[in-house]
N, C-alpha and C. Protein backbone atom coordinates (compact mmCIF):
# COMPACT_ATOMS: atom_id res chain seq x y z
N UNK A 1 9.36 -12.88 21.28
CA UNK A 1 10.10 -14.07 20.89
C UNK A 1 11.57 -13.71 20.70
N UNK A 2 12.43 -14.48 21.30
CA UNK A 2 13.86 -14.20 21.24
C UNK A 2 14.44 -14.84 19.98
N UNK A 3 14.40 -14.10 18.85
CA UNK A 3 14.93 -14.65 17.61
C UNK A 3 15.93 -13.68 16.99
N UNK A 4 17.01 -14.20 16.42
CA UNK A 4 18.00 -13.41 15.72
C UNK A 4 18.38 -14.14 14.45
N UNK A 5 19.13 -13.47 13.58
CA UNK A 5 19.55 -14.11 12.33
C UNK A 5 20.53 -15.26 12.59
N UNK A 6 21.36 -15.11 13.62
CA UNK A 6 22.35 -16.13 13.93
C UNK A 6 22.21 -16.56 15.40
N UNK A 7 21.14 -17.28 15.70
CA UNK A 7 20.90 -17.65 17.09
C UNK A 7 21.80 -18.77 17.54
N UNK A 8 21.94 -18.90 18.83
CA UNK A 8 22.72 -20.01 19.36
C UNK A 8 21.96 -21.32 19.34
N UNK A 9 20.63 -21.24 19.31
CA UNK A 9 19.81 -22.45 19.43
C UNK A 9 18.77 -22.48 18.32
N UNK A 10 18.65 -23.63 17.67
CA UNK A 10 17.55 -23.88 16.74
C UNK A 10 16.51 -24.72 17.47
N UNK A 11 15.25 -24.34 17.34
CA UNK A 11 14.14 -25.08 17.94
C UNK A 11 13.24 -25.62 16.85
N UNK A 12 13.20 -26.94 16.74
CA UNK A 12 12.29 -27.62 15.82
C UNK A 12 11.04 -27.98 16.60
N UNK A 13 9.90 -27.42 16.20
CA UNK A 13 8.74 -27.52 17.07
C UNK A 13 7.44 -27.38 16.30
N UNK A 14 6.35 -27.64 17.01
CA UNK A 14 5.00 -27.41 16.50
C UNK A 14 4.14 -26.99 17.69
N UNK A 15 2.88 -26.62 17.42
CA UNK A 15 2.04 -26.04 18.48
C UNK A 15 1.35 -27.11 19.32
N UNK A 16 2.15 -27.96 19.94
CA UNK A 16 1.67 -29.00 20.85
C UNK A 16 2.14 -28.68 22.27
N UNK A 17 1.58 -29.32 23.27
CA UNK A 17 2.07 -29.08 24.63
C UNK A 17 3.56 -29.34 24.78
N UNK A 18 4.06 -30.42 24.21
CA UNK A 18 5.49 -30.70 24.34
C UNK A 18 6.34 -29.65 23.64
N UNK A 19 5.89 -29.19 22.49
CA UNK A 19 6.62 -28.14 21.81
C UNK A 19 6.61 -26.83 22.59
N UNK A 20 5.47 -26.50 23.15
CA UNK A 20 5.35 -25.24 23.88
C UNK A 20 6.15 -25.23 25.18
N UNK A 21 6.37 -26.39 25.76
CA UNK A 21 7.25 -26.44 26.93
C UNK A 21 8.58 -25.75 26.64
N UNK A 22 9.16 -26.10 25.50
CA UNK A 22 10.51 -25.65 25.21
C UNK A 22 10.53 -24.19 24.78
N UNK A 23 9.57 -23.76 23.98
CA UNK A 23 9.55 -22.34 23.60
C UNK A 23 9.30 -21.46 24.82
N UNK A 24 8.46 -21.90 25.75
CA UNK A 24 8.25 -21.14 26.98
C UNK A 24 9.54 -21.10 27.80
N UNK A 25 10.22 -22.23 27.90
CA UNK A 25 11.47 -22.27 28.65
C UNK A 25 12.51 -21.32 28.05
N UNK A 26 12.64 -21.33 26.75
CA UNK A 26 13.59 -20.45 26.08
C UNK A 26 13.24 -18.99 26.33
N UNK A 27 11.95 -18.68 26.30
CA UNK A 27 11.53 -17.31 26.56
C UNK A 27 11.80 -16.91 28.01
N UNK A 28 11.52 -17.81 28.94
CA UNK A 28 11.77 -17.50 30.35
C UNK A 28 13.25 -17.26 30.61
N UNK A 29 14.09 -17.99 29.91
CA UNK A 29 15.54 -17.84 30.08
C UNK A 29 16.12 -16.68 29.28
N UNK A 30 15.31 -16.12 28.38
CA UNK A 30 15.78 -15.01 27.57
C UNK A 30 16.84 -15.39 26.55
N UNK A 31 16.80 -16.62 26.07
CA UNK A 31 17.80 -17.10 25.14
C UNK A 31 17.39 -16.80 23.69
N UNK A 32 18.37 -16.47 22.86
CA UNK A 32 18.13 -16.27 21.44
C UNK A 32 17.94 -17.62 20.77
N UNK A 33 16.92 -17.73 19.94
CA UNK A 33 16.68 -18.99 19.25
C UNK A 33 15.96 -18.75 17.94
N UNK A 34 16.11 -19.70 17.05
CA UNK A 34 15.42 -19.67 15.77
C UNK A 34 14.40 -20.79 15.73
N UNK A 35 13.20 -20.49 15.26
CA UNK A 35 12.13 -21.48 15.19
C UNK A 35 12.10 -22.11 13.81
N UNK A 36 12.16 -23.43 13.78
CA UNK A 36 11.96 -24.19 12.54
C UNK A 36 10.67 -24.99 12.72
N UNK A 37 9.56 -24.54 12.14
CA UNK A 37 8.29 -25.27 12.31
C UNK A 37 8.35 -26.65 11.65
N UNK A 38 7.87 -27.63 12.40
CA UNK A 38 7.72 -28.99 11.89
C UNK A 38 6.24 -29.32 11.92
N UNK A 39 5.58 -29.15 10.79
CA UNK A 39 4.13 -29.33 10.74
C UNK A 39 3.81 -30.82 10.76
N UNK A 40 3.45 -31.29 11.94
CA UNK A 40 3.20 -32.72 12.10
C UNK A 40 1.90 -33.15 11.43
N UNK A 41 1.04 -32.20 11.06
CA UNK A 41 -0.19 -32.55 10.34
C UNK A 41 0.09 -32.83 8.87
N UNK A 42 1.27 -32.41 8.40
CA UNK A 42 1.65 -32.64 7.00
C UNK A 42 2.78 -33.65 6.86
N UNK A 43 3.21 -34.23 7.98
CA UNK A 43 4.25 -35.25 7.93
C UNK A 43 5.67 -34.73 7.90
N UNK A 44 5.87 -33.46 8.27
CA UNK A 44 7.23 -32.91 8.27
C UNK A 44 8.17 -33.68 9.18
N UNK A 45 7.61 -34.35 10.18
CA UNK A 45 8.45 -35.09 11.14
C UNK A 45 9.08 -36.33 10.52
N UNK A 46 8.66 -36.69 9.32
CA UNK A 46 9.20 -37.89 8.68
C UNK A 46 10.16 -37.58 7.54
N UNK A 47 10.56 -36.33 7.40
CA UNK A 47 11.50 -35.99 6.34
C UNK A 47 12.90 -36.49 6.69
N UNK A 48 13.74 -36.72 5.71
CA UNK A 48 15.12 -37.16 5.99
C UNK A 48 15.88 -36.16 6.85
N UNK A 49 15.60 -34.86 6.66
CA UNK A 49 16.29 -33.84 7.43
C UNK A 49 15.97 -33.95 8.92
N UNK A 50 14.70 -34.18 9.23
CA UNK A 50 14.32 -34.30 10.64
C UNK A 50 14.75 -35.65 11.20
N UNK A 51 14.73 -36.69 10.37
CA UNK A 51 15.20 -38.00 10.80
C UNK A 51 16.66 -37.95 11.24
N UNK A 52 17.43 -37.08 10.61
CA UNK A 52 18.85 -36.95 10.98
C UNK A 52 19.02 -36.36 12.37
N UNK A 53 17.97 -35.69 12.89
CA UNK A 53 18.04 -35.08 14.22
C UNK A 53 17.48 -35.99 15.29
N UNK A 54 16.46 -36.77 14.97
CA UNK A 54 15.83 -37.65 15.96
C UNK A 54 15.24 -38.87 15.28
N UNK A 55 15.68 -40.03 15.68
CA UNK A 55 15.16 -41.27 15.11
C UNK A 55 13.71 -41.52 15.51
N UNK A 56 13.24 -40.83 16.56
CA UNK A 56 11.87 -41.04 17.04
C UNK A 56 10.85 -40.20 16.28
N UNK A 57 11.29 -39.27 15.45
CA UNK A 57 10.39 -38.47 14.61
C UNK A 57 9.36 -37.70 15.44
N UNK A 58 9.77 -37.19 16.59
CA UNK A 58 8.87 -36.42 17.44
C UNK A 58 9.49 -35.05 17.73
N UNK A 59 8.62 -34.04 17.79
CA UNK A 59 9.08 -32.72 18.25
C UNK A 59 8.86 -32.67 19.76
N UNK A 60 9.61 -31.80 20.45
CA UNK A 60 10.58 -30.84 19.96
C UNK A 60 11.98 -31.43 19.92
N UNK A 61 12.83 -30.74 19.16
CA UNK A 61 14.27 -31.01 19.14
C UNK A 61 14.97 -29.66 19.18
N UNK A 62 16.07 -29.57 19.90
CA UNK A 62 16.89 -28.37 19.84
C UNK A 62 18.28 -28.73 19.31
N UNK A 63 18.88 -27.76 18.63
CA UNK A 63 20.29 -27.83 18.26
C UNK A 63 20.96 -26.61 18.87
N UNK A 64 21.81 -26.84 19.85
CA UNK A 64 22.55 -25.77 20.51
C UNK A 64 23.90 -25.66 19.83
N UNK A 65 24.03 -24.69 18.94
CA UNK A 65 25.25 -24.54 18.15
C UNK A 65 26.44 -24.12 19.01
N UNK A 66 26.15 -23.43 20.11
CA UNK A 66 27.25 -22.98 20.96
C UNK A 66 27.94 -24.15 21.65
N UNK A 67 27.16 -25.15 22.01
CA UNK A 67 27.71 -26.29 22.75
C UNK A 67 27.80 -27.56 21.93
N UNK A 68 27.39 -27.49 20.66
CA UNK A 68 27.44 -28.67 19.81
C UNK A 68 26.49 -29.77 20.26
N UNK A 69 25.35 -29.39 20.82
CA UNK A 69 24.40 -30.35 21.38
C UNK A 69 23.13 -30.41 20.54
N UNK A 70 22.75 -31.61 20.11
CA UNK A 70 21.45 -31.86 19.52
C UNK A 70 20.69 -32.76 20.48
N UNK A 71 19.47 -32.35 20.84
CA UNK A 71 18.77 -33.05 21.92
C UNK A 71 17.29 -33.18 21.60
N UNK A 72 16.76 -34.39 21.79
CA UNK A 72 15.33 -34.65 21.67
C UNK A 72 14.74 -34.84 23.06
N UNK A 73 13.43 -34.98 23.13
CA UNK A 73 12.65 -35.23 24.34
C UNK A 73 12.54 -33.96 25.20
N UNK A 74 11.31 -33.50 25.35
CA UNK A 74 11.07 -32.21 26.00
C UNK A 74 11.59 -32.15 27.43
N UNK A 75 11.42 -33.23 28.20
CA UNK A 75 11.91 -33.21 29.58
C UNK A 75 13.41 -33.07 29.65
N UNK A 76 14.11 -33.80 28.79
CA UNK A 76 15.57 -33.71 28.75
C UNK A 76 16.00 -32.31 28.31
N UNK A 77 15.29 -31.74 27.36
CA UNK A 77 15.63 -30.40 26.88
C UNK A 77 15.46 -29.37 28.00
N UNK A 78 14.37 -29.46 28.75
CA UNK A 78 14.17 -28.52 29.86
C UNK A 78 15.30 -28.64 30.88
N UNK A 79 15.66 -29.85 31.23
CA UNK A 79 16.75 -30.05 32.20
C UNK A 79 18.07 -29.52 31.65
N UNK A 80 18.33 -29.77 30.39
CA UNK A 80 19.57 -29.28 29.77
C UNK A 80 19.63 -27.75 29.82
N UNK A 81 18.53 -27.09 29.43
CA UNK A 81 18.53 -25.63 29.41
C UNK A 81 18.64 -25.06 30.82
N UNK A 82 17.98 -25.69 31.79
CA UNK A 82 18.08 -25.23 33.17
C UNK A 82 19.50 -25.34 33.69
N UNK A 83 20.14 -26.46 33.41
CA UNK A 83 21.53 -26.65 33.83
C UNK A 83 22.45 -25.67 33.09
N UNK A 84 22.20 -25.48 31.83
CA UNK A 84 23.03 -24.59 31.02
C UNK A 84 23.04 -23.17 31.57
N UNK A 85 21.85 -22.71 32.01
CA UNK A 85 21.71 -21.34 32.46
C UNK A 85 21.73 -21.19 33.98
N UNK A 86 21.66 -22.31 34.71
CA UNK A 86 21.64 -22.24 36.16
C UNK A 86 20.40 -21.59 36.72
N UNK A 87 19.26 -21.85 36.08
CA UNK A 87 17.99 -21.22 36.49
C UNK A 87 16.84 -22.20 36.33
N UNK A 88 15.78 -21.94 37.08
CA UNK A 88 14.51 -22.66 36.98
C UNK A 88 14.62 -24.13 37.38
N UNK A 89 15.63 -24.46 38.19
CA UNK A 89 15.77 -25.78 38.76
C UNK A 89 16.48 -25.65 40.10
N UNK A 90 15.98 -26.34 41.11
CA UNK A 90 16.58 -26.27 42.43
C UNK A 90 18.03 -26.74 42.38
N UNK A 91 18.88 -26.22 43.27
CA UNK A 91 20.25 -26.71 43.35
C UNK A 91 20.27 -28.15 43.84
N UNK A 92 21.38 -28.86 43.64
CA UNK A 92 21.46 -30.26 44.08
C UNK A 92 21.10 -30.42 45.55
N UNK A 93 20.33 -31.47 45.85
CA UNK A 93 19.88 -31.71 47.21
C UNK A 93 18.48 -32.27 47.22
N UNK A 94 17.89 -32.41 48.40
CA UNK A 94 16.56 -33.02 48.51
C UNK A 94 15.48 -32.29 47.71
N UNK A 95 15.53 -30.95 47.67
CA UNK A 95 14.50 -30.21 46.95
C UNK A 95 14.56 -30.49 45.45
N UNK A 96 15.79 -30.66 44.93
CA UNK A 96 15.88 -30.98 43.51
C UNK A 96 15.25 -32.33 43.23
N UNK A 97 15.45 -33.31 44.09
CA UNK A 97 14.86 -34.62 43.86
C UNK A 97 13.34 -34.56 43.89
N UNK A 98 12.78 -33.73 44.78
CA UNK A 98 11.34 -33.55 44.79
C UNK A 98 10.86 -32.91 43.48
N UNK A 99 11.62 -31.93 43.00
CA UNK A 99 11.28 -31.29 41.72
C UNK A 99 11.32 -32.30 40.58
N UNK A 100 12.35 -33.14 40.58
CA UNK A 100 12.47 -34.13 39.52
C UNK A 100 11.36 -35.17 39.59
N UNK A 101 10.91 -35.48 40.81
CA UNK A 101 9.79 -36.42 40.95
C UNK A 101 8.55 -35.86 40.28
N UNK A 102 8.30 -34.56 40.46
CA UNK A 102 7.13 -33.94 39.84
C UNK A 102 7.32 -33.76 38.34
N UNK A 103 8.55 -33.57 37.90
CA UNK A 103 8.79 -33.54 36.47
C UNK A 103 8.49 -34.91 35.86
N UNK A 104 8.93 -35.97 36.53
CA UNK A 104 8.63 -37.32 36.04
C UNK A 104 7.13 -37.61 36.09
N UNK A 105 6.44 -37.04 37.06
CA UNK A 105 4.98 -37.17 37.13
C UNK A 105 4.34 -36.58 35.87
N UNK A 106 4.85 -35.46 35.43
CA UNK A 106 4.34 -34.88 34.19
C UNK A 106 4.67 -35.78 33.00
N UNK A 107 5.91 -36.22 32.93
CA UNK A 107 6.34 -37.00 31.78
C UNK A 107 5.66 -38.37 31.72
N UNK A 108 5.44 -38.97 32.89
CA UNK A 108 4.91 -40.33 32.93
C UNK A 108 3.41 -40.43 33.05
N UNK A 109 2.77 -39.36 33.53
CA UNK A 109 1.32 -39.42 33.78
C UNK A 109 0.56 -38.32 33.05
N UNK A 110 0.86 -37.07 33.37
CA UNK A 110 0.06 -35.97 32.83
C UNK A 110 0.11 -35.96 31.30
N UNK A 111 1.30 -36.00 30.72
CA UNK A 111 1.39 -35.96 29.27
C UNK A 111 0.73 -37.14 28.58
N UNK A 112 1.13 -38.37 28.91
CA UNK A 112 0.54 -39.51 28.21
C UNK A 112 -0.97 -39.67 28.40
N UNK A 113 -1.45 -39.47 29.62
CA UNK A 113 -2.87 -39.69 29.88
C UNK A 113 -3.74 -38.59 29.27
N UNK A 114 -3.31 -37.34 29.41
CA UNK A 114 -4.09 -36.26 28.80
C UNK A 114 -4.02 -36.33 27.29
N UNK A 115 -2.87 -36.78 26.77
CA UNK A 115 -2.76 -36.97 25.34
C UNK A 115 -3.73 -38.01 24.81
N UNK A 116 -3.93 -39.08 25.56
CA UNK A 116 -4.91 -40.09 25.15
C UNK A 116 -6.34 -39.54 25.21
N UNK A 117 -6.60 -38.69 26.19
CA UNK A 117 -7.91 -38.03 26.25
C UNK A 117 -8.13 -37.19 25.00
N UNK A 118 -7.10 -36.45 24.58
CA UNK A 118 -7.23 -35.67 23.35
C UNK A 118 -7.58 -36.59 22.17
N UNK A 119 -6.89 -37.72 22.08
CA UNK A 119 -7.09 -38.61 20.93
C UNK A 119 -8.51 -39.17 20.88
N UNK A 120 -8.99 -39.65 22.02
CA UNK A 120 -10.29 -40.32 22.02
C UNK A 120 -11.46 -39.38 22.20
N UNK A 121 -11.31 -38.36 23.05
CA UNK A 121 -12.44 -37.49 23.36
C UNK A 121 -12.56 -36.33 22.38
N UNK A 122 -11.43 -35.70 22.06
CA UNK A 122 -11.46 -34.54 21.18
C UNK A 122 -11.54 -34.92 19.71
N UNK A 123 -10.74 -35.91 19.28
CA UNK A 123 -10.60 -36.18 17.86
C UNK A 123 -11.37 -37.40 17.38
N UNK A 124 -11.71 -38.32 18.27
CA UNK A 124 -12.42 -39.54 17.84
C UNK A 124 -13.59 -39.87 18.75
N UNK A 125 -14.46 -38.89 19.02
CA UNK A 125 -15.57 -39.16 19.95
C UNK A 125 -16.53 -40.21 19.39
N UNK A 126 -16.99 -41.07 20.29
CA UNK A 126 -17.97 -42.08 19.91
C UNK A 126 -17.39 -43.36 19.34
N UNK A 127 -16.09 -43.38 19.04
CA UNK A 127 -15.49 -44.57 18.43
C UNK A 127 -15.09 -45.62 19.46
N UNK A 128 -14.76 -45.17 20.66
CA UNK A 128 -14.28 -46.10 21.69
C UNK A 128 -14.76 -45.61 23.05
N UNK A 129 -16.03 -45.85 23.39
CA UNK A 129 -16.56 -45.34 24.66
C UNK A 129 -15.77 -45.76 25.89
N UNK A 130 -15.27 -46.99 25.89
CA UNK A 130 -14.49 -47.44 27.04
C UNK A 130 -13.23 -46.59 27.20
N UNK A 131 -12.52 -46.34 26.09
CA UNK A 131 -11.30 -45.53 26.15
C UNK A 131 -11.62 -44.10 26.55
N UNK A 132 -12.72 -43.56 26.03
CA UNK A 132 -13.11 -42.20 26.42
C UNK A 132 -13.31 -42.10 27.93
N UNK A 133 -14.04 -43.07 28.48
CA UNK A 133 -14.30 -43.04 29.91
C UNK A 133 -13.03 -43.25 30.71
N UNK A 134 -12.21 -44.21 30.30
CA UNK A 134 -10.98 -44.52 31.02
C UNK A 134 -10.06 -43.31 31.10
N UNK A 135 -9.79 -42.70 29.96
CA UNK A 135 -8.82 -41.60 29.96
C UNK A 135 -9.41 -40.31 30.52
N UNK A 136 -10.71 -40.11 30.36
CA UNK A 136 -11.35 -38.94 30.98
C UNK A 136 -11.28 -39.04 32.50
N UNK A 137 -11.55 -40.23 33.02
CA UNK A 137 -11.47 -40.42 34.48
C UNK A 137 -10.05 -40.23 34.99
N UNK A 138 -9.08 -40.74 34.24
CA UNK A 138 -7.69 -40.58 34.67
C UNK A 138 -7.25 -39.12 34.58
N UNK A 139 -7.73 -38.42 33.58
CA UNK A 139 -7.42 -36.99 33.48
C UNK A 139 -7.95 -36.24 34.69
N UNK A 140 -9.18 -36.51 35.09
CA UNK A 140 -9.74 -35.84 36.28
C UNK A 140 -8.98 -36.23 37.54
N UNK A 141 -8.55 -37.47 37.61
CA UNK A 141 -7.76 -37.89 38.78
C UNK A 141 -6.46 -37.11 38.86
N UNK A 142 -5.79 -36.95 37.72
CA UNK A 142 -4.52 -36.21 37.70
C UNK A 142 -4.73 -34.74 38.00
N UNK A 143 -5.81 -34.17 37.51
CA UNK A 143 -6.14 -32.80 37.89
C UNK A 143 -6.30 -32.70 39.40
N UNK A 144 -6.93 -33.72 40.00
CA UNK A 144 -7.11 -33.72 41.44
C UNK A 144 -5.80 -33.80 42.20
N UNK A 145 -4.87 -34.61 41.68
CA UNK A 145 -3.56 -34.71 42.31
C UNK A 145 -2.87 -33.35 42.30
N UNK A 146 -2.88 -32.68 41.17
CA UNK A 146 -2.23 -31.37 41.07
C UNK A 146 -2.95 -30.34 41.94
N UNK A 147 -4.27 -30.41 41.98
CA UNK A 147 -5.02 -29.46 42.80
C UNK A 147 -4.66 -29.62 44.28
N UNK A 148 -4.52 -30.86 44.72
CA UNK A 148 -4.12 -31.09 46.12
C UNK A 148 -2.68 -30.66 46.36
N UNK A 149 -1.82 -30.87 45.38
CA UNK A 149 -0.42 -30.47 45.52
C UNK A 149 -0.31 -28.95 45.71
N UNK A 150 -1.21 -28.22 45.09
CA UNK A 150 -1.17 -26.75 45.14
C UNK A 150 -1.94 -26.17 46.33
N UNK A 151 -2.34 -27.02 47.25
CA UNK A 151 -3.13 -26.56 48.39
C UNK A 151 -2.36 -25.58 49.26
N UNK A 152 -1.05 -25.78 49.40
CA UNK A 152 -0.27 -24.93 50.31
C UNK A 152 0.93 -24.30 49.62
N UNK A 153 0.87 -24.19 48.29
CA UNK A 153 2.00 -23.60 47.56
C UNK A 153 1.47 -22.99 46.27
N UNK A 154 2.19 -22.00 45.76
CA UNK A 154 1.78 -21.33 44.53
C UNK A 154 2.20 -22.10 43.29
N UNK A 155 3.29 -22.86 43.40
CA UNK A 155 3.81 -23.59 42.25
C UNK A 155 4.06 -25.04 42.65
N UNK A 156 4.17 -25.91 41.66
CA UNK A 156 4.16 -27.34 41.93
C UNK A 156 5.33 -27.77 42.79
N UNK A 157 6.51 -27.21 42.51
CA UNK A 157 7.70 -27.64 43.25
C UNK A 157 8.31 -26.48 44.03
N UNK A 158 7.46 -25.69 44.68
CA UNK A 158 7.94 -24.56 45.48
C UNK A 158 7.93 -23.30 44.66
N UNK A 159 9.12 -22.82 44.26
CA UNK A 159 9.20 -21.65 43.40
C UNK A 159 8.89 -22.05 41.96
N UNK A 160 8.51 -21.06 41.16
CA UNK A 160 8.26 -21.28 39.74
C UNK A 160 9.48 -21.91 39.10
N UNK A 161 9.26 -23.00 38.34
CA UNK A 161 10.39 -23.76 37.83
C UNK A 161 10.02 -24.50 36.56
N UNK A 162 10.98 -25.26 36.07
CA UNK A 162 10.73 -26.07 34.87
C UNK A 162 9.60 -27.08 35.07
N UNK A 163 9.29 -27.42 36.31
CA UNK A 163 8.18 -28.35 36.57
C UNK A 163 6.86 -27.71 36.14
N UNK A 164 6.67 -26.45 36.49
CA UNK A 164 5.47 -25.73 36.06
C UNK A 164 5.46 -25.56 34.54
N UNK A 165 6.61 -25.25 33.98
CA UNK A 165 6.72 -25.06 32.53
C UNK A 165 6.38 -26.35 31.79
N UNK A 166 6.78 -27.49 32.35
CA UNK A 166 6.49 -28.78 31.71
C UNK A 166 5.01 -29.13 31.79
N UNK A 167 4.38 -28.78 32.89
CA UNK A 167 3.01 -29.21 33.15
C UNK A 167 1.97 -28.27 32.54
N UNK A 168 2.23 -26.99 32.61
CA UNK A 168 1.23 -25.99 32.23
C UNK A 168 0.69 -26.16 30.80
N UNK A 169 1.53 -26.41 29.78
CA UNK A 169 0.96 -26.52 28.43
C UNK A 169 -0.04 -27.65 28.26
N UNK A 170 0.09 -28.72 29.05
CA UNK A 170 -0.90 -29.78 28.98
C UNK A 170 -2.23 -29.35 29.60
N UNK A 171 -2.16 -28.59 30.66
CA UNK A 171 -3.39 -28.08 31.28
C UNK A 171 -4.05 -27.03 30.39
N UNK A 172 -3.26 -26.39 29.54
CA UNK A 172 -3.82 -25.35 28.67
C UNK A 172 -4.82 -25.92 27.66
N UNK A 173 -4.88 -27.22 27.54
CA UNK A 173 -5.86 -27.85 26.67
C UNK A 173 -7.03 -28.42 27.47
N UNK A 174 -7.36 -27.72 28.54
CA UNK A 174 -8.46 -28.17 29.40
C UNK A 174 -9.77 -28.28 28.64
N UNK A 175 -9.96 -27.46 27.60
CA UNK A 175 -11.21 -27.55 26.83
C UNK A 175 -11.29 -28.86 26.06
N UNK A 176 -10.16 -29.32 25.53
CA UNK A 176 -10.14 -30.61 24.83
C UNK A 176 -10.43 -31.75 25.80
N UNK A 177 -10.06 -31.55 27.06
CA UNK A 177 -10.22 -32.59 28.08
C UNK A 177 -11.59 -32.54 28.76
N UNK A 178 -12.42 -31.57 28.37
CA UNK A 178 -13.78 -31.39 28.92
C UNK A 178 -13.73 -31.22 30.45
N UNK A 179 -12.78 -30.41 30.90
CA UNK A 179 -12.60 -30.17 32.33
C UNK A 179 -13.33 -28.92 32.76
N UNK A 180 -14.04 -29.01 33.87
CA UNK A 180 -14.65 -27.86 34.53
C UNK A 180 -13.69 -27.39 35.61
N UNK A 181 -13.04 -26.26 35.38
CA UNK A 181 -12.03 -25.78 36.32
C UNK A 181 -12.61 -25.44 37.69
N UNK A 182 -13.91 -25.26 37.78
CA UNK A 182 -14.51 -24.99 39.10
C UNK A 182 -14.31 -26.15 40.06
N UNK A 183 -14.08 -27.34 39.51
CA UNK A 183 -13.83 -28.50 40.36
C UNK A 183 -12.41 -28.51 40.92
N UNK A 184 -11.55 -27.70 40.34
CA UNK A 184 -10.13 -27.69 40.72
C UNK A 184 -9.66 -26.24 40.90
N UNK A 185 -10.16 -25.55 41.89
CA UNK A 185 -9.90 -24.10 41.99
C UNK A 185 -8.44 -23.73 42.19
N UNK A 186 -7.70 -24.54 42.93
CA UNK A 186 -6.29 -24.19 43.14
C UNK A 186 -5.49 -24.37 41.86
N UNK A 187 -5.80 -25.41 41.11
CA UNK A 187 -5.13 -25.62 39.83
C UNK A 187 -5.52 -24.52 38.85
N UNK A 188 -6.76 -24.10 38.88
CA UNK A 188 -7.21 -23.00 38.01
C UNK A 188 -6.43 -21.73 38.33
N UNK A 189 -6.28 -21.42 39.61
CA UNK A 189 -5.54 -20.21 39.98
C UNK A 189 -4.09 -20.28 39.54
N UNK A 190 -3.48 -21.46 39.70
CA UNK A 190 -2.11 -21.69 39.24
C UNK A 190 -2.02 -21.48 37.74
N UNK A 191 -2.97 -22.03 37.01
CA UNK A 191 -2.97 -21.91 35.55
C UNK A 191 -3.06 -20.45 35.12
N UNK A 192 -3.96 -19.70 35.72
CA UNK A 192 -4.15 -18.30 35.35
C UNK A 192 -2.91 -17.48 35.74
N UNK A 193 -2.33 -17.79 36.89
CA UNK A 193 -1.14 -17.08 37.35
C UNK A 193 0.00 -17.25 36.35
N UNK A 194 0.19 -18.45 35.85
CA UNK A 194 1.27 -18.70 34.89
C UNK A 194 0.92 -18.10 33.53
N UNK A 195 -0.34 -18.17 33.14
CA UNK A 195 -0.76 -17.61 31.85
C UNK A 195 -0.50 -16.11 31.76
N UNK A 196 -0.42 -15.43 32.89
CA UNK A 196 -0.19 -13.99 32.90
C UNK A 196 1.27 -13.62 32.70
N UNK A 197 2.17 -14.59 32.74
CA UNK A 197 3.59 -14.29 32.58
C UNK A 197 3.91 -13.94 31.12
N UNK A 198 4.57 -12.81 30.88
CA UNK A 198 4.87 -12.42 29.50
C UNK A 198 5.65 -13.47 28.72
N UNK A 199 6.61 -14.13 29.37
CA UNK A 199 7.39 -15.15 28.66
C UNK A 199 6.52 -16.33 28.26
N UNK A 200 5.56 -16.68 29.09
CA UNK A 200 4.64 -17.77 28.77
C UNK A 200 3.77 -17.38 27.58
N UNK A 201 3.31 -16.14 27.57
CA UNK A 201 2.49 -15.68 26.46
C UNK A 201 3.26 -15.70 25.15
N UNK A 202 4.53 -15.29 25.21
CA UNK A 202 5.34 -15.32 23.98
C UNK A 202 5.61 -16.76 23.56
N UNK A 203 5.99 -17.60 24.50
CA UNK A 203 6.31 -18.98 24.18
C UNK A 203 5.13 -19.77 23.68
N UNK A 204 3.93 -19.45 24.19
CA UNK A 204 2.73 -20.16 23.75
C UNK A 204 2.46 -19.89 22.27
N UNK A 205 2.85 -18.72 21.80
CA UNK A 205 2.58 -18.34 20.42
C UNK A 205 3.60 -18.83 19.42
N UNK A 206 4.38 -19.84 19.78
CA UNK A 206 5.38 -20.42 18.88
C UNK A 206 4.90 -21.81 18.44
N UNK A 207 4.88 -22.11 17.15
CA UNK A 207 5.35 -21.29 16.04
C UNK A 207 4.28 -20.42 15.40
N UNK A 208 3.05 -20.47 15.91
CA UNK A 208 1.99 -19.61 15.37
C UNK A 208 1.68 -18.52 16.40
N UNK A 209 0.67 -17.75 16.13
CA UNK A 209 0.33 -16.64 17.01
C UNK A 209 -0.90 -16.97 17.85
N UNK A 210 -0.92 -18.16 18.42
CA UNK A 210 -2.09 -18.61 19.18
C UNK A 210 -2.24 -17.82 20.47
N UNK A 211 -3.49 -17.65 20.90
CA UNK A 211 -3.79 -17.00 22.15
C UNK A 211 -4.07 -18.05 23.23
N UNK A 212 -3.66 -17.76 24.43
CA UNK A 212 -3.84 -18.68 25.54
C UNK A 212 -5.31 -18.78 25.91
N UNK A 213 -5.87 -19.98 25.98
CA UNK A 213 -7.27 -20.12 26.45
C UNK A 213 -7.34 -19.90 27.94
N UNK A 214 -8.35 -19.18 28.38
CA UNK A 214 -8.53 -18.90 29.80
C UNK A 214 -9.87 -19.45 30.26
N UNK A 215 -9.92 -19.94 31.51
CA UNK A 215 -11.18 -20.49 32.04
C UNK A 215 -12.19 -19.37 32.31
């Protein structure tokens, strides 16, 4: 973990897929940062101090002291950090637009739909059978889309990039989603390949020392 007493970046986060996106990104970029845990199970996201950083009361948030930037929303943070460092994002042109399309796919589909599966299937089983079926089916459909996308490439948008970093933490909760990875072998191989990266392993363990689940 890249932490110092006087880091350039403060990371307000918790051990959720959206939080892990940013800690993994920071680790991949080798940036110094300080972790401020926001325990969303205890309501830390509703404190006046956190409200001053984001009116939406959601993690993650970064404060970049070097550039005077406070930023919410994980997708925006990934893009900001990539632009700041000139890494993990294609240069301007058609390939960048394809990368951004897949980033929006994560933000608009993978995150929200898999998150609903967690809510109904993992945490509230039996309370809403229709919702369980709806979101479970959509989760499998999205897994299928990603599996097909990886048919002729190792990473979602060509080379390893912020698109993989955005998507991978959501797939890391495949057990909550009741997914059999044997149905999606290319996505499974992609997942394992990324899980082996040292920066991903360090970033996954923020703010706790969690171990990456493997299929």
